[in-house]
Amino acid sequence: FIGEIDEPSHHHVYELYAAIVVSLIATVLKFGDRTHVGAILLSTSLAADLQLITAAILWAALGGSYDPVNLTVYIVSLSGGALMANIISVVLLISETISQKR
């Protein structure tokens, strides 16, 4: 998500795939939580997964046949949405941890 949004050389496909793997692992770890907040955390994680997987599909399917500048803008925008979903998830997790009584 760092770099010029319309410069394809600033963004690497392996970083996207690494983000997908980490996000999928985090999603699997959230399946065991049966609380209301756990369901919200799972939904934000699934939203991030959906956006990252969509970005990877766009990159793989349209990589050679579409304008690379516009394609990079779409991919970076989708990864930014996934980043936002993960930030919301972290904020919710921190607020739940702070408000939880021992």
Protein backbone atom coordinates (compact mmCIF):
# COMPACT_ATOMS: atom_id res chain seq x y z
CA PHE A 1 0.00 0.00 0.00
CA ILE A 2 3.13 2.15 0.05
CA GLY A 3 4.36 3.76 -3.15
CA GLU A 4 2.82 5.52 -6.08
CA ILE A 5 -0.65 4.10 -6.65
CA ASP A 6 -0.32 4.18 -10.44
CA GLU A 7 3.25 2.85 -10.71
CA PRO A 8 3.24 -0.95 -11.21
CA SER A 9 6.94 -1.30 -10.38
CA HIS A 10 6.27 -0.12 -6.80
CA HIS A 11 3.98 -3.07 -6.06
CA HIS A 12 4.98 -6.73 -6.02
CA VAL A 13 2.75 -9.74 -6.50
CA TYR A 14 4.57 -11.75 -3.81
CA GLU A 15 3.69 -9.16 -1.17
CA LEU A 16 0.03 -9.50 -2.14
CA TYR A 17 0.20 -13.28 -1.89
CA ALA A 18 1.96 -13.05 1.49
CA ALA A 19 -0.80 -10.74 2.73
CA ILE A 20 -3.41 -13.24 1.53
CA VAL A 21 -1.72 -16.13 3.34
CA VAL A 22 -1.42 -14.18 6.61
CA SER A 23 -5.01 -12.97 6.35
CA LEU A 24 -6.33 -16.47 5.69
CA ILE A 25 -4.40 -17.85 8.67
CA ALA A 26 -5.83 -15.09 10.88
CA THR A 27 -9.33 -15.89 9.61
CA VAL A 28 -8.97 -19.58 10.43
CA LEU A 29 -7.82 -18.69 13.94
CA LYS A 30 -10.99 -16.62 14.46
CA PHE A 31 -13.37 -19.51 13.75
CA GLY A 32 -13.34 -20.82 17.33
CA ASP A 33 -14.66 -17.67 19.01
CA ARG A 34 -18.41 -17.98 19.67
CA THR A 35 -19.04 -14.51 21.12
CA HIS A 36 -20.81 -11.61 19.46
CA VAL A 37 -17.56 -9.67 19.14
CA GLY A 38 -15.93 -12.80 17.73
CA ALA A 39 -18.52 -12.85 14.96
CA ILE A 40 -17.80 -9.21 14.16
CA LEU A 41 -14.05 -9.87 14.10
CA LEU A 42 -14.62 -12.84 11.81
CA SER A 43 -16.73 -10.74 9.45
CA THR A 44 -14.06 -8.04 9.18
CA SER A 45 -11.47 -10.72 8.51
CA LEU A 46 -13.64 -12.29 5.82
CA ALA A 47 -14.12 -8.86 4.22
CA ALA A 48 -10.35 -8.40 4.10
CA ASP A 49 -9.90 -11.88 2.63
CA LEU A 50 -12.50 -11.19 -0.05
CA GLN A 51 -10.81 -7.95 -1.09
CA LEU A 52 -7.32 -9.47 -1.15
CA ILE A 53 -8.46 -12.51 -3.12
CA THR A 54 -10.29 -10.25 -5.58
CA ALA A 55 -7.10 -8.21 -6.02
CA ALA A 56 -5.11 -11.39 -6.69
CA ILE A 57 -7.67 -12.60 -9.23
CA LEU A 58 -7.56 -9.25 -11.00
CA TRP A 59 -3.76 -9.33 -11.08
CA ALA A 60 -3.66 -12.91 -12.40
CA ALA A 61 -6.52 -12.65 -14.90
CA LEU A 62 -5.86 -9.20 -16.34
CA GLY A 63 -2.11 -8.91 -15.80
CA GLY A 64 -1.05 -8.95 -19.42
CA SER A 65 -4.17 -7.82 -21.24
CA TYR A 66 -5.20 -4.68 -19.36
CA ASP A 67 -3.62 -1.26 -18.91
CA PRO A 68 -1.06 -1.82 -16.12
CA VAL A 69 -1.57 1.62 -14.60
CA ASN A 70 -5.33 1.24 -14.17
CA LEU A 71 -4.97 -2.37 -13.04
CA THR A 72 -2.50 -1.32 -10.36
CA VAL A 73 -4.89 1.37 -9.15
CA TYR A 74 -7.66 -1.23 -8.74
CA ILE A 75 -5.36 -3.68 -6.95
CA VAL A 76 -3.96 -1.07 -4.57
CA SER A 77 -7.47 0.21 -3.83
CA LEU A 78 -8.67 -3.30 -2.97
CA SER A 79 -5.66 -3.90 -0.74
CA GLY A 80 -6.35 -0.56 0.95
CA GLY A 81 -9.88 -1.71 1.70
CA ALA A 82 -8.48 -4.89 3.23
CA LEU A 83 -6.09 -2.80 5.31
CA MET A 84 -9.02 -0.71 6.55
CA ALA A 85 -11.00 -3.83 7.49
CA ASN A 86 -8.01 -5.13 9.44
CA ILE A 87 -7.55 -1.80 11.23
CA ILE A 88 -11.22 -1.87 12.27
CA SER A 89 -10.72 -5.44 13.50
CA VAL A 90 -7.72 -4.43 15.62
CA VAL A 91 -9.56 -1.43 17.09
CA LEU A 92 -12.52 -3.65 18.02
CA LEU A 93 -10.20 -6.24 19.56
CA ILE A 94 -8.37 -3.62 21.63
CA SER A 95 -11.63 -2.04 22.80
CA GLU A 96 -12.97 -5.45 23.84
CA THR A 97 -9.76 -6.25 25.69
CA ILE A 98 -9.78 -2.94 27.55
CA SER A 99 -13.45 -3.21 28.54
CA GLN A 100 -13.20 -6.84 29.66
CA LYS A 101 -13.22 -7.36 33.42
CA ARG A 102 -10.94 -9.86 35.10
